[in-house]
C-alpha atoms as a PDB file:
ATOM      1  CA  MET A   1     -94.312  32.497  14.647  1.00  0.00           C
ATOM      2  CA  LYS A   2     -90.550  32.393  14.587  1.00  0.00           C
ATOM      3  CA  LYS A   3     -88.961  31.688  11.264  1.00  0.00           C
ATOM      4  CA  LYS A   4     -85.790  29.668  11.211  1.00  0.00           C
ATOM      5  CA  LEU A   5     -82.236  30.845  10.856  1.00  0.00           C
ATOM      6  CA  LEU A   6     -79.512  28.326  10.279  1.00  0.00           C
ATOM      7  CA  PHE A   7     -76.593  30.563  11.101  1.00  0.00           C
ATOM      8  CA  ALA A   8     -74.547  27.654   9.927  1.00  0.00           C
ATOM      9  CA  SER A   9     -72.500  25.227  11.732  1.00  0.00           C
ATOM     10  CA  LEU A  10     -71.375  25.769   8.181  1.00  0.00           C
ATOM     11  CA  LEU A  11     -68.487  23.855   6.846  1.00  0.00           C
ATOM     12  CA  LEU A  12     -67.744  21.004   9.181  1.00  0.00           C
ATOM     13  CA  ALA A  13     -70.239  20.973  12.003  1.00  0.00           C
ATOM     14  CA  GLY A  14     -70.873  17.231  11.668  1.00  0.00           C
ATOM     15  CA  SER A  15     -67.537  16.048  10.344  1.00  0.00           C
ATOM     16  CA  SER A  16     -66.245  12.512  10.384  1.00  0.00           C
ATOM     17  CA  PHE A  17     -69.304  10.361  10.396  1.00  0.00           C
ATOM     18  CA  GLY A  18     -68.493   7.067   8.772  1.00  0.00           C
ATOM     19  CA  GLN A  19     -68.757   3.266   8.599  1.00  0.00           C
ATOM     20  CA  GLY A  20     -68.700   2.159  12.223  1.00  0.00           C
ATOM     21  CA  LEU A  21     -67.644   5.588  13.472  1.00  0.00           C
ATOM     22  CA  THR A  22     -66.847   5.617  17.188  1.00  0.00           C
ATOM     23  CA  GLN A  23     -65.314   8.050  19.631  1.00  0.00           C
ATOM     24  CA  ALA A  24     -62.056   6.159  19.182  1.00  0.00           C
ATOM     25  CA  ASN A  25     -61.705   7.043  15.486  1.00  0.00           C
ATOM     26  CA  GLU A  26     -62.558  10.736  15.666  1.00  0.00           C
ATOM     27  CA  PRO A  27     -59.872  12.975  14.126  1.00  0.00           C
ATOM     28  CA  THR A  28     -57.302  13.757  16.801  1.00  0.00           C
ATOM     29  CA  ILE A  29     -56.046  17.133  17.970  1.00  0.00           C
ATOM     30  CA  GLY A  30     -53.278  18.299  15.635  1.00  0.00           C
ATOM     31  CA  THR A  31     -54.769  16.676  12.513  1.00  0.00           C
ATOM     32  CA  SER A  32     -54.741  19.105   9.596  1.00  0.00           C
ATOM     33  CA  ILE A  33     -55.557  19.101   5.887  1.00  0.00           C
ATOM     34  CA  ASP A  34     -55.416  21.695   3.084  1.00  0.00           C
ATOM     35  CA  MET A  35     -58.509  21.750   0.860  1.00  0.00           C
ATOM     36  CA  PHE A  36     -58.779  23.261  -2.629  1.00  0.00           C
ATOM     37  CA  LEU A  37     -61.555  25.833  -3.054  1.00  0.00           C
ATOM     38  CA  CYS A  38     -63.679  24.734  -6.035  1.00  0.00           C
ATOM     39  CA  ASP A  39     -66.390  26.071  -8.347  1.00  0.00           C
ATOM     40  CA  SER A  40     -69.523  26.790  -6.319  1.00  0.00           C
ATOM     41  CA  PHE A  41     -71.757  25.782  -9.251  1.00  0.00           C
ATOM     42  CA  ALA A  42     -70.813  22.103  -8.767  1.00  0.00           C
ATOM     43  CA  THR A  43     -73.822  19.805  -8.289  1.00  0.00           C
ATOM     44  CA  ASN A  44     -74.423  18.236  -4.875  1.00  0.00           C
ATOM     45  CA  TYR A  45     -75.614  14.863  -6.305  1.00  0.00           C
ATOM     46  CA  ALA A  46     -78.414  14.838  -3.729  1.00  0.00           C
ATOM     47  CA  ASN A  47     -80.224  12.013  -5.532  1.00  0.00           C
ATOM     48  CA  ILE A  48     -77.231   9.653  -5.724  1.00  0.00           C
ATOM     49  CA  THR A  49     -77.654   7.568  -2.561  1.00  0.00           C
ATOM     50  CA  GLY A  50     -77.296   3.960  -1.440  1.00  0.00           C
ATOM     51  CA  THR A  51     -74.451   1.451  -1.779  1.00  0.00           C
ATOM     52  CA  GLY A  52     -72.264   0.868  -4.831  1.00  0.00           C
ATOM     53  CA  VAL A  53     -72.891   4.367  -6.208  1.00  0.00           C
ATOM     54  CA  THR A  54     -70.489   6.751  -8.002  1.00  0.00           C
ATOM     55  CA  TRP A  55     -70.107  10.483  -7.423  1.00  0.00           C
ATOM     56  CA  ASP A  56     -68.142  12.060 -10.287  1.00  0.00           C
ATOM     57  CA  TYR A  57     -66.392  15.401  -9.640  1.00  0.00           C
ATOM     58  CA  SER A  58     -63.532  14.704 -12.046  1.00  0.00           C
ATOM     59  CA  ASP A  59     -64.363  17.763 -14.188  1.00  0.00           C
ATOM     60  CA  ILE A  60     -64.733  20.237 -11.337  1.00  0.00           C
ATOM     61  CA  ALA A  61     -62.782  23.513 -11.604  1.00  0.00           C
ATOM     62  CA  GLY A  62     -60.795  25.050  -8.760  1.00  0.00           C
ATOM     63  CA  PHE A  63     -59.725  28.595  -7.944  1.00  0.00           C
ATOM     64  CA  GLU A  64     -55.995  28.711  -8.622  1.00  0.00           C
ATOM     65  CA  GLY A  65     -53.879  29.255  -5.519  1.00  0.00           C
ATOM     66  CA  GLU A  66     -56.868  29.223  -3.145  1.00  0.00           C
ATOM     67  CA  LEU A  67     -56.555  26.706  -0.294  1.00  0.00           C
ATOM     68  CA  ARG A  68     -58.481  26.450   2.975  1.00  0.00           C
ATOM     69  CA  ASN A  69     -56.789  24.725   5.905  1.00  0.00           C
ATOM     70  CA  LEU A  70     -58.866  22.525   8.219  1.00  0.00           C
ATOM     71  CA  THR A  71     -57.307  21.791  11.608  1.00  0.00           C
ATOM     72  CA  ILE A  72     -58.417  19.985  14.773  1.00  0.00           C
ATOM     73  CA  VAL A  73     -57.172  21.931  17.824  1.00  0.00           C
ATOM     74  CA  ASP A  74     -57.321  21.925  21.594  1.00  0.00           C
ATOM     75  CA  PRO A  75     -60.239  24.297  22.355  1.00  0.00           C
ATOM     76  CA  THR A  76     -58.319  25.915  25.214  1.00  0.00           C
ATOM     77  CA  THR A  77     -55.968  27.397  22.600  1.00  0.00           C
ATOM     78  CA  THR A  78     -58.780  29.293  20.820  1.00  0.00           C
ATOM     79  CA  THR A  79     -59.862  32.880  21.442  1.00  0.00           C
ATOM     80  CA  ASN A  80     -63.376  31.911  22.537  1.00  0.00           C
ATOM     81  CA  THR A  81     -62.505  29.009  24.833  1.00  0.00           C
ATOM     82  CA  ALA A  82     -64.277  30.628  27.824  1.00  0.00           C
ATOM     83  CA  ASP A  83     -67.604  30.433  25.963  1.00  0.00           C
ATOM     84  CA  PHE A  84     -67.284  26.652  25.493  1.00  0.00           C
ATOM     85  CA  PRO A  85     -65.804  25.354  28.772  1.00  0.00           C
ATOM     86  CA  ASN A  86     -66.861  21.722  28.219  1.00  0.00           C
ATOM     87  CA  ALA A  87     -65.524  21.385  24.666  1.00  0.00           C
ATOM     88  CA  THR A  88     -62.859  18.747  24.111  1.00  0.00           C
ATOM     89  CA  LYS A  89     -61.996  19.574  20.483  1.00  0.00           C
ATOM     90  CA  ALA A  90     -62.477  22.382  17.984  1.00  0.00           C
ATOM     91  CA  ILE A  91     -62.224  22.294  14.202  1.00  0.00           C
ATOM     92  CA  ILE A  92     -61.014  25.473  12.513  1.00  0.00           C
ATOM     93  CA  VAL A  93     -61.811  26.311   8.895  1.00  0.00           C
ATOM     94  CA  GLU A  94     -59.150  28.880   8.070  1.00  0.00           C
ATOM     95  CA  ASN A  95     -60.318  32.516   8.239  1.00  0.00           C
ATOM     96  CA  PHE A  96     -63.937  31.494   8.538  1.00  0.00           C
ATOM     97  CA  LEU A  97     -65.342  29.124  11.159  1.00  0.00           C
ATOM     98  CA  THR A  98     -64.511  27.385  14.439  1.00  0.00           C
ATOM     99  CA  THR A  99     -66.854  24.612  15.598  1.00  0.00           C
ATOM    100  CA  TYR A 100     -66.577  23.136  19.113  1.00  0.00           C
ATOM    101  CA  TRP A 101     -67.140  19.457  19.991  1.00  0.00           C
ATOM    102  CA  THR A 102     -67.742  17.251  22.986  1.00  0.00           C
ATOM    103  CA  SER A 103     -68.072  13.476  22.803  1.00  0.00           C
ATOM    104  CA  THR A 104     -68.707  10.345  24.806  1.00  0.00           C
ATOM    105  CA  ALA A 105     -68.610   6.670  23.922  1.00  0.00           C
ATOM    106  CA  THR A 106     -72.199   6.922  22.634  1.00  0.00           C
ATOM    107  CA  GLU A 107     -72.488  10.329  20.913  1.00  0.00           C
ATOM    108  CA  ARG A 108     -70.857  13.510  19.650  1.00  0.00           C
ATOM    109  CA  ASN A 109     -72.319  16.939  20.452  1.00  0.00           C
ATOM    110  CA  SER A 110     -71.567  20.571  19.652  1.00  0.00           C
ATOM    111  CA  PRO A 111     -71.886  23.304  22.297  1.00  0.00           C
ATOM    112  CA  GLY A 112     -71.667  25.886  19.506  1.00  0.00           C
ATOM    113  CA  PHE A 113     -69.510  27.666  16.959  1.00  0.00           C
ATOM    114  CA  VAL A 114     -67.977  31.015  16.015  1.00  0.00           C
ATOM    115  CA  PHE A 115     -67.787  32.425  12.508  1.00  0.00           C
ATOM    116  CA  TYR A 116     -67.482  35.685  10.569  1.00  0.00           C
ATOM    117  CA  GLU A 117     -70.407  36.998   8.522  1.00  0.00           C
ATOM    118  CA  PRO A 118     -70.065  40.360   6.670  1.00  0.00           C
ATOM    119  CA  THR A 119     -73.387  41.806   7.915  1.00  0.00           C
ATOM    120  CA  PHE A 120     -73.111  40.752  11.574  1.00  0.00           C
ATOM    121  CA  GLY A 121     -69.326  40.535  12.029  1.00  0.00           C
ATOM    122  CA  GLU A 122     -68.212  37.831  14.474  1.00  0.00           C
ATOM    123  CA  VAL A 123     -71.155  35.578  15.328  1.00  0.00           C
ATOM    124  CA  LYS A 124     -71.086  33.272  18.341  1.00  0.00           C
ATOM    125  CA  ALA A 125     -73.703  30.545  18.692  1.00  0.00           C
ATOM    126  CA  ILE A 126     -73.597  29.110  22.214  1.00  0.00           C
ATOM    127  CA  PHE A 127     -75.897  26.110  22.758  1.00  0.00           C
ATOM    128  CA  ASN A 128     -75.758  26.207  26.560  1.00  0.00           C
ATOM    129  CA  THR A 129     -79.451  25.308  26.963  1.00  0.00           C
ATOM    130  CA  ASP A 130     -79.342  22.164  24.801  1.00  0.00           C
ATOM    131  CA  PRO A 131     -76.227  21.207  22.763  1.00  0.00           C
ATOM    132  CA  GLN A 132     -76.583  20.069  19.158  1.00  0.00           C
ATOM    133  CA  LYS A 133     -76.140  16.324  18.635  1.00  0.00           C
ATOM    134  CA  LEU A 134     -73.897  15.575  15.659  1.00  0.00           C
ATOM    135  CA  ALA A 135     -73.736  11.773  15.702  1.00  0.00           C
ATOM    136  CA  ASN A 136     -74.710   8.685  17.642  1.00  0.00           C
ATOM    137  CA  TYR A 137     -71.892   6.193  18.147  1.00  0.00           C
ATOM    138  CA  GLU A 138     -71.610   3.747  16.402  1.00  0.00           C
ATOM    139  CA  PHE A 139     -72.839   5.610  13.282  1.00  0.00           C
ATOM    140  CA  GLY A 140     -72.868   3.652  10.013  1.00  0.00           C
ATOM    141  CA  ILE A 141     -74.417   3.396   6.552  1.00  0.00           C
ATOM    142  CA  ASN A 142     -78.143   4.305   6.596  1.00  0.00           C
ATOM    143  CA  ASP A 143     -77.981   5.382  10.243  1.00  0.00           C
ATOM    144  CA  GLU A 144     -79.681   8.728  10.849  1.00  0.00           C
ATOM    145  CA  LEU A 145     -80.583  11.084  13.678  1.00  0.00           C
ATOM    146  CA  ASN A 146     -82.901  13.999  14.370  1.00  0.00           C
ATOM    147  CA  ASP A 147     -82.170  16.503  17.121  1.00  0.00           C
ATOM    148  CA  ASN A 148     -83.377  19.761  18.674  1.00  0.00           C
ATOM    149  CA  PHE A 149     -80.923  22.241  20.211  1.00  0.00           C
ATOM    150  CA  ALA A 150     -81.092  25.671  21.869  1.00  0.00           C
ATOM    151  CA  GLY A 151     -79.023  28.541  23.223  1.00  0.00           C
ATOM    152  CA  SER A 152     -78.112  32.121  22.355  1.00  0.00           C
ATOM    153  CA  LEU A 153     -76.493  34.124  19.572  1.00  0.00           C
ATOM    154  CA  TYR A 154     -74.010  36.951  20.074  1.00  0.00           C
ATOM    155  CA  PHE A 155     -73.249  39.461  17.297  1.00  0.00           C
ATOM    156  CA  SER A 156     -73.350  43.169  16.431  1.00  0.00           C
ATOM    157  CA  LEU A 157     -75.819  44.933  14.140  1.00  0.00           C
ATOM    158  CA  SER A 158     -75.213  48.563  13.135  1.00  0.00           C
ATOM    159  CA  GLY A 159     -72.610  48.708  15.881  1.00  0.00           C
ATOM    160  CA  LEU A 160     -75.013  47.558  18.602  1.00  0.00           C
ATOM    161  CA  PRO A 161     -74.404  44.272  20.486  1.00  0.00           C
ATOM    162  CA  GLN A 162     -77.203  41.701  20.064  1.00  0.00           C
ATOM    163  CA  ASN A 163     -77.994  38.581  22.110  1.00  0.00           C
ATOM    164  CA  PRO A 164     -81.192  36.881  20.848  1.00  0.00           C
ATOM    165  CA  ASP A 165     -82.346  33.423  21.904  1.00  0.00           C
ATOM    166  CA  ALA A 166     -81.933  30.659  19.336  1.00  0.00           C
ATOM    167  CA  THR A 167     -83.441  27.214  18.805  1.00  0.00           C
ATOM    168  CA  GLY A 168     -82.643  24.733  16.090  1.00  0.00           C
ATOM    169  CA  THR A 169     -83.288  21.371  14.488  1.00  0.00           C
ATOM    170  CA  SER A 170     -80.857  19.069  12.727  1.00  0.00           C
ATOM    171  CA  PHE A 171     -80.944  15.895  10.640  1.00  0.00           C
ATOM    172  CA  ALA A 172     -77.914  13.749   9.794  1.00  0.00           C
ATOM    173  CA  LYS A 173     -77.529  10.530   7.836  1.00  0.00           C
ATOM    174  CA  ILE A 174     -74.858   8.458   6.124  1.00  0.00           C
ATOM    175  CA  ASP A 175     -76.775   8.143   2.878  1.00  0.00           C
ATOM    176  CA  GLY A 176     -74.254   6.578   0.500  1.00  0.00           C
ATOM    177  CA  GLU A 177     -71.220   4.364   0.068  1.00  0.00           C
ATOM    178  CA  GLY A 178     -69.252   3.893  -3.147  1.00  0.00           C
ATOM    179  CA  THR A 179     -66.761   5.536  -5.521  1.00  0.00           C
ATOM    180  CA  LEU A 180     -65.702   9.201  -5.602  1.00  0.00           C
ATOM    181  CA  LYS A 181     -63.904  10.647  -8.643  1.00  0.00           C
ATOM    182  CA  LEU A 182     -61.977  13.841  -7.855  1.00  0.00           C
ATOM    183  CA  ASN A 183     -59.916  14.378 -11.013  1.00  0.00           C
ATOM    184  CA  SER A 184     -58.899  12.408 -14.123  1.00  0.00           C
ATOM    185  CA  SER A 185     -56.308  10.380 -12.193  1.00  0.00           C
ATOM    186  CA  THR A 186     -57.866  10.157  -8.712  1.00  0.00           C
ATOM    187  CA  THR A 187     -60.682   7.686  -8.029  1.00  0.00           C
ATOM    188  CA  LEU A 188     -61.351   6.792  -4.399  1.00  0.00           C
ATOM    189  CA  ASN A 189     -63.115   3.567  -3.447  1.00  0.00           C
ATOM    190  CA  ASN A 190     -64.956   2.671  -0.230  1.00  0.00           C
ATOM    191  CA  VAL A 191     -66.030   6.273   0.296  1.00  0.00           C
ATOM    192  CA  ILE A 192     -69.013   7.145   2.485  1.00  0.00           C
ATOM    193  CA  ARG A 193     -71.126  10.287   2.267  1.00  0.00           C
ATOM    194  CA  CYS A 194     -72.704  12.089   5.210  1.00  0.00           C
ATOM    195  CA  ILE A 195     -75.539  14.586   4.743  1.00  0.00           C
ATOM    196  CA  THR A 196     -76.418  17.159   7.382  1.00  0.00           C
ATOM    197  CA  ILE A 197     -79.431  19.487   7.165  1.00  0.00           C
ATOM    198  CA  ASP A 198     -79.977  21.899  10.021  1.00  0.00           C
ATOM    199  CA  THR A 199     -81.703  25.127  11.010  1.00  0.00           C
ATOM    200  CA  LEU A 200     -81.310  27.630  13.812  1.00  0.00           C
ATOM    201  CA  ASN A 201     -84.312  29.746  14.837  1.00  0.00           C
ATOM    202  CA  THR A 202     -83.983  33.356  15.926  1.00  0.00           C
ATOM    203  CA  THR A 203     -85.314  36.881  15.494  1.00  0.00           C
ATOM    204  CA  VAL A 204     -82.917  39.615  14.386  1.00  0.00           C
ATOM    205  CA  PRO A 205     -83.703  43.191  15.564  1.00  0.00           C
ATOM    206  CA  PHE A 206     -84.747  45.550  12.735  1.00  0.00           C
ATOM    207  CA  VAL A 207     -84.780  42.555  10.375  1.00  0.00           C
ATOM    208  CA  GLY A 208     -87.364  40.259  11.952  1.00  0.00           C
ATOM    209  CA  ASP A 209     -87.711  36.500  11.853  1.00  0.00           C
ATOM    210  CA  ILE A 210     -85.373  34.918   9.336  1.00  0.00           C
ATOM    211  CA  GLN A 211     -84.367  31.433   8.248  1.00  0.00           C
ATOM    212  CA  LEU A 212     -80.954  30.205   7.165  1.00  0.00           C
ATOM    213  CA  ILE A 213     -81.004  26.617   5.899  1.00  0.00           C
ATOM    214  CA  ARG A 214     -77.871  24.529   5.451  1.00  0.00           C
ATOM    215  CA  ALA A 215     -77.446  21.350   3.415  1.00  0.00           C
ATOM    216  CA  GLN A 216     -73.980  19.825   3.687  1.00  0.00           C
ATOM    217  CA  TYR A 217     -72.511  16.762   1.993  1.00  0.00           C
ATOM    218  CA  GLU A 218     -69.235  15.335   3.315  1.00  0.00           C
ATOM    219  CA  TYR A 219     -67.243  12.481   1.784  1.00  0.00           C
ATOM    220  CA  TYR A 220     -64.794  10.277   3.693  1.00  0.00           C
ATOM    221  CA  GLN A 221     -62.367   7.495   2.839  1.00  0.00           C
ATOM    222  CA  LEU A 222     -61.842   6.370   6.406  1.00  0.00           C
ATOM    223  CA  SER A 223     -59.306   3.720   5.444  1.00  0.00           C
ATOM    224  CA  THR A 224     -56.837   6.556   4.763  1.00  0.00           C
ATOM    225  CA  SER A 225     -58.012   9.516   6.895  1.00  0.00           C
ATOM    226  CA  ASN A 226     -60.684  10.612   9.372  1.00  0.00           C
ATOM    227  CA  MET A 227     -60.736  14.048   7.722  1.00  0.00           C
ATOM    228  CA  PRO A 228     -63.020  14.720   4.734  1.00  0.00           C
ATOM    229  CA  VAL A 229     -61.808  14.314   1.157  1.00  0.00           C
ATOM    230  CA  PHE A 230     -64.613  16.459  -0.305  1.00  0.00           C
ATOM    231  CA  THR A 231     -67.352  18.758   1.043  1.00  0.00           C
ATOM    232  CA  HIS A 232     -70.275  20.530  -0.639  1.00  0.00           C
ATOM    233  CA  THR A 233     -72.165  23.031   1.535  1.00  0.00           C
ATOM    234  CA  THR A 234     -75.075  25.293   0.570  1.00  0.00           C
ATOM    235  CA  ALA A 235     -76.690  27.787   2.935  1.00  0.00           C
ATOM    236  CA  LYS A 236     -79.405  30.375   2.454  1.00  0.00           C
ATOM    237  CA  ILE A 237     -81.057  33.009   4.630  1.00  0.00           C
ATOM    238  CA  VAL A 238     -84.761  33.648   4.066  1.00  0.00           C
ATOM    239  CA  GLY A 239     -86.686  36.572   5.587  1.00  0.00           C
ATOM    240  CA  THR A 240     -90.290  36.561   6.768  1.00  0.00           C
ATOM    241  CA  GLY A 241     -92.645  36.230   3.806  1.00  0.00           C
ATOM    242  CA  ALA A 242     -89.800  36.501   1.284  1.00  0.00           C
ATOM    243  CA  VAL A 243     -89.965  34.529  -1.958  1.00  0.00           C
ATOM    244  CA  ASP A 244     -86.232  34.775  -2.654  1.00  0.00           C
ATOM    245  CA  PRO A 245     -83.449  34.259  -0.092  1.00  0.00           C
ATOM    246  CA  LEU A 246     -81.820  37.315   1.444  1.00  0.00           C
ATOM    247  CA  THR A 247     -78.551  35.619   0.621  1.00  0.00           C
ATOM    248  CA  GLU A 248     -77.505  32.190  -0.659  1.00  0.00           C
ATOM    249  CA  PHE A 249     -74.073  30.681  -1.172  1.00  0.00           C
ATOM    250  CA  THR A 250     -72.269  27.422  -1.821  1.00  0.00           C
ATOM    251  CA  VAL A 251     -68.792  26.411  -0.650  1.00  0.00           C
ATOM    252  CA  VAL A 252     -67.097  23.408  -2.289  1.00  0.00           C
ATOM    253  CA  LEU A 253     -63.759  22.019  -1.010  1.00  0.00           C
ATOM    254  CA  SER A 254     -61.646  19.125  -2.317  1.00  0.00           C
ATOM    255  CA  ALA A 255     -58.616  17.454  -0.772  1.00  0.00           C
ATOM    256  CA  VAL A 256     -57.371  16.607  -4.290  1.00  0.00           C
ATOM    257  CA  GLN A 257     -56.085  19.219  -6.723  1.00  0.00           C
ATOM    258  CA  PRO A 258     -58.557  19.760  -9.589  1.00  0.00           C
ATOM    259  CA  ASP A 259     -57.421  19.296 -13.187  1.00  0.00           C
ATOM    260  CA  HIS A 260     -58.934  22.632 -14.231  1.00  0.00           C
ATOM    261  CA  TYR A 261     -58.739  26.128 -12.787  1.00  0.00           C
ATOM    262  CA  VAL A 262     -60.483  29.438 -12.994  1.00  0.00           C
ATOM    263  CA  SER A 263     -57.185  31.278 -13.038  1.00  0.00           C
ATOM    264  CA  ILE A 264     -56.307  34.421 -11.118  1.00  0.00           C
ATOM    265  CA  SER A 265     -53.130  34.795 -13.206  1.00  0.00           C
ATOM    266  CA  GLU A 266     -52.784  36.393 -16.623  1.00  0.00           C
ATOM    267  CA  SER A 267     -54.602  34.539 -19.424  1.00  0.00           C
ATOM    268  CA  GLU A 268     -54.054  34.735 -23.163  1.00  0.00           C
ATOM    269  CA  LYS A 269     -57.765  34.140 -23.708  1.00  0.00           C
ATOM    270  CA  LEU A 270     -59.074  36.830 -21.376  1.00  0.00           C
ATOM    271  CA  ASN A 271     -57.073  39.918 -20.450  1.00  0.00           C
ATOM    272  CA  PHE A 272     -58.550  42.668 -18.303  1.00  0.00           C
ATOM    273  CA  SER A 273     -57.664  44.964 -15.434  1.00  0.00           C
ATOM    274  CA  ILE A 274     -59.650  46.355 -12.516  1.00  0.00           C
ATOM    275  CA  PHE A 275     -59.126  49.657 -10.724  1.00  0.00           C
ATOM    276  CA  PRO A 276     -58.866  51.238  -8.255  1.00  0.00           C
ATOM    277  CA  ASN A 277     -57.469  48.477  -6.099  1.00  0.00           C
ATOM    278  CA  PRO A 278     -58.036  48.833  -3.168  1.00  0.00           C
ATOM    279  CA  ALA A 279     -61.526  50.034  -4.098  1.00  0.00           C
ATOM    280  CA  LYS A 280     -63.845  52.185  -1.999  1.00  0.00           C
ATOM    281  CA  GLU A 281     -67.207  52.807  -3.679  1.00  0.00           C
ATOM    282  CA  SER A 282     -66.833  51.310  -7.157  1.00  0.00           C
ATOM    283  CA  LEU A 283     -64.645  49.109  -9.361  1.00  0.00           C
ATOM    284  CA  THR A 284     -63.946  49.705 -13.057  1.00  0.00           C
ATOM    285  CA  ILE A 285     -63.190  46.837 -15.469  1.00  0.00           C
ATOM    286  CA  LYS A 286     -61.169  47.510 -18.612  1.00  0.00           C
ATOM    287  CA  GLY A 287     -60.007  45.064 -21.287  1.00  0.00           C
ATOM    288  CA  ASP A 288     -60.482  43.647 -24.771  1.00  0.00           C
ATOM    289  CA  PHE A 289     -63.982  42.195 -24.383  1.00  0.00           C
ATOM    290  CA  ASN A 290     -67.676  42.932 -24.856  1.00  0.00           C
ATOM    291  CA  ASN A 291     -70.887  41.442 -23.446  1.00  0.00           C
ATOM    292  CA  ALA A 292     -69.246  39.769 -20.448  1.00  0.00           C
ATOM    293  CA  SER A 293     -70.727  38.726 -17.110  1.00  0.00           C
ATOM    294  CA  ALA A 294     -69.114  39.082 -13.704  1.00  0.00           C
ATOM    295  CA  ARG A 295     -69.399  37.715 -10.189  1.00  0.00           C
ATOM    296  CA  ILE A 296     -67.838  39.106  -7.031  1.00  0.00           C
ATOM    297  CA  LEU A 297     -66.848  36.321  -4.616  1.00  0.00           C
ATOM    298  CA  ASP A 298     -65.752  36.535  -0.998  1.00  0.00           C
ATOM    299  CA  GLN A 299     -62.901  34.453   0.407  1.00  0.00           C
ATOM    300  CA  THR A 300     -65.148  31.417   0.980  1.00  0.00           C
ATOM    301  CA  GLY A 301     -66.270  31.371  -2.665  1.00  0.00           C
ATOM    302  CA  LYS A 302     -69.664  32.885  -1.845  1.00  0.00           C
ATOM    303  CA  THR A 303     -71.148  35.065  -4.624  1.00  0.00           C
ATOM    304  CA  VAL A 304     -71.964  38.461  -3.091  1.00  0.00           C
ATOM    305  CA  GLN A 305     -72.839  40.315  -6.319  1.00  0.00           C
ATOM    306  CA  SER A 306     -73.523  39.428  -9.977  1.00  0.00           C
ATOM    307  CA  VAL A 307     -73.586  41.730 -13.007  1.00  0.00           C
ATOM    308  CA  ASP A 308     -74.513  40.888 -16.621  1.00  0.00           C
ATOM    309  CA  PHE A 309     -73.903  42.655 -19.959  1.00  0.00           C
ATOM    310  CA  ILE A 310     -70.552  44.170 -19.029  1.00  0.00           C
ATOM    311  CA  SER A 311     -68.407  46.010 -21.572  1.00  0.00           C
ATOM    312  CA  SER A 312     -64.915  47.454 -21.219  1.00  0.00           C
ATOM    313  CA  GLY A 313     -64.817  50.578 -19.076  1.00  0.00           C
ATOM    314  CA  MET A 314     -67.954  49.706 -17.129  1.00  0.00           C
ATOM    315  CA  THR A 315     -68.052  50.532 -13.419  1.00  0.00           C
ATOM    316  CA  ILE A 316     -69.543  48.221 -10.777  1.00  0.00           C
ATOM    317  CA  GLU A 317     -70.927  49.873  -7.651  1.00  0.00           C
ATOM    318  CA  LEU A 318     -69.751  48.307  -4.382  1.00  0.00           C
ATOM    319  CA  ASN A 319     -72.086  50.074  -1.938  1.00  0.00           C
ATOM    320  CA  ASP A 320     -73.656  46.836  -0.656  1.00  0.00           C
ATOM    321  CA  ILE A 321     -70.361  45.039  -0.060  1.00  0.00           C
ATOM    322  CA  GLU A 322     -68.594  45.127   3.302  1.00  0.00           C
ATOM    323  CA  LYS A 323     -64.881  45.917   3.685  1.00  0.00           C
ATOM    324  CA  GLY A 324     -62.619  42.942   2.981  1.00  0.00           C
ATOM    325  CA  ILE A 325     -60.834  40.815   0.367  1.00  0.00           C
ATOM    326  CA  TYR A 326     -62.783  39.674  -2.724  1.00  0.00           C
ATOM    327  CA  PHE A 327     -62.376  38.154  -6.188  1.00  0.00           C
ATOM    328  CA  LEU A 328     -63.916  39.462  -9.385  1.00  0.00           C
ATOM    329  CA  GLU A 329     -64.629  36.620 -11.818  1.00  0.00           C
ATOM    330  CA  LEU A 330     -65.140  37.777 -15.415  1.00  0.00           C
ATOM    331  CA  ASN A 331     -66.707  35.366 -17.926  1.00  0.00           C
ATOM    332  CA  VAL A 332     -66.576  35.932 -21.690  1.00  0.00           C
ATOM    333  CA  ASN A 333     -67.850  33.235 -24.074  1.00  0.00           C
ATOM    334  CA  GLY A 334     -67.110  30.459 -21.577  1.00  0.00           C
ATOM    335  CA  ASN A 335     -63.638  31.738 -20.622  1.00  0.00           C
ATOM    336  CA  SER A 336     -63.256  32.851 -17.005  1.00  0.00           C
ATOM    337  CA  ARG A 337     -60.576  34.554 -14.961  1.00  0.00           C
ATOM    338  CA  LEU A 338     -60.324  35.863 -11.402  1.00  0.00           C
ATOM    339  CA  GLU A 339     -58.737  39.048 -10.138  1.00  0.00           C
ATOM    340  CA  LYS A 340     -58.279  39.654  -6.416  1.00  0.00           C
ATOM    341  CA  PHE A 341     -59.142  43.062  -4.970  1.00  0.00           C
ATOM    342  CA  SER A 342     -59.903  44.646  -1.628  1.00  0.00           C
ATOM    343  CA  LYS A 343     -62.564  47.094  -0.526  1.00  0.00           C
ATOM    344  CA  ASN A 344     -61.590  49.689   2.064  1.00  0.00           C
END
């Protein structure tokens, strides 16, 4: 039996649902917004649903200087336009994901997406057998949909091109309407929340049947913008018979600058250095600290490695990390700081 892989329509596959959403109030080509990358440990408030509710993210921390641009573009201007000939719009999450859209007066669909994943490189999901439905128009509070979709995946594994079949299921609902607090001075009223849960089924050669499951929460204040003001996305990949996920990560983005930061600049409370930078096989941490913990994050905020009980001079092996740009977050007695490094 095939397990399920949600290779993620990750960040904004179902963007811009809302009160009375129609084709006419979709975000238009050229619309763009910068989002602040936030602490991935933030709660998703899954149980806060209904009308008149409050979602409070006023104490959330951000990663200083880390923004992700979201832009709606003409799909013919993208590199992979030939793979999605019927798309009318594409939404680009900077340096990460491009999702393609088509829409009519009664529904919005996705013929697929393209994103970068360290293990598989560039991944293309082309739903040419059965596109994924993202919304029925008009789509309002408590409206929901269930959909099946199918197509093919294109990626490389160990340098060899792969093209397995893929099938998926998706669920979407506008499950709440109320107040969203984004920092101590920013409270947004008349906000709606859209939840999307989807899977994509496939079998990966040499790996077997796997399942990646995505749960995404998007918040909109449609009186001011058709772009999201906050998103919380968690995805995990589970292998056949595995108890723990092969990988799991959370990406949190806010349109409003957080009050607090995990700083990547020098800090009086926590001083340390990492070397060599660029790194190749290992990274050494040196500073005035003992009994620290560390996380290595990729550019989306995904934790790719965690290490506990770190002391000054300790070396972290990087053998399981692909080449690229990363952040090392060191935590000592509740104080955290980020340092950017690259692996060659």
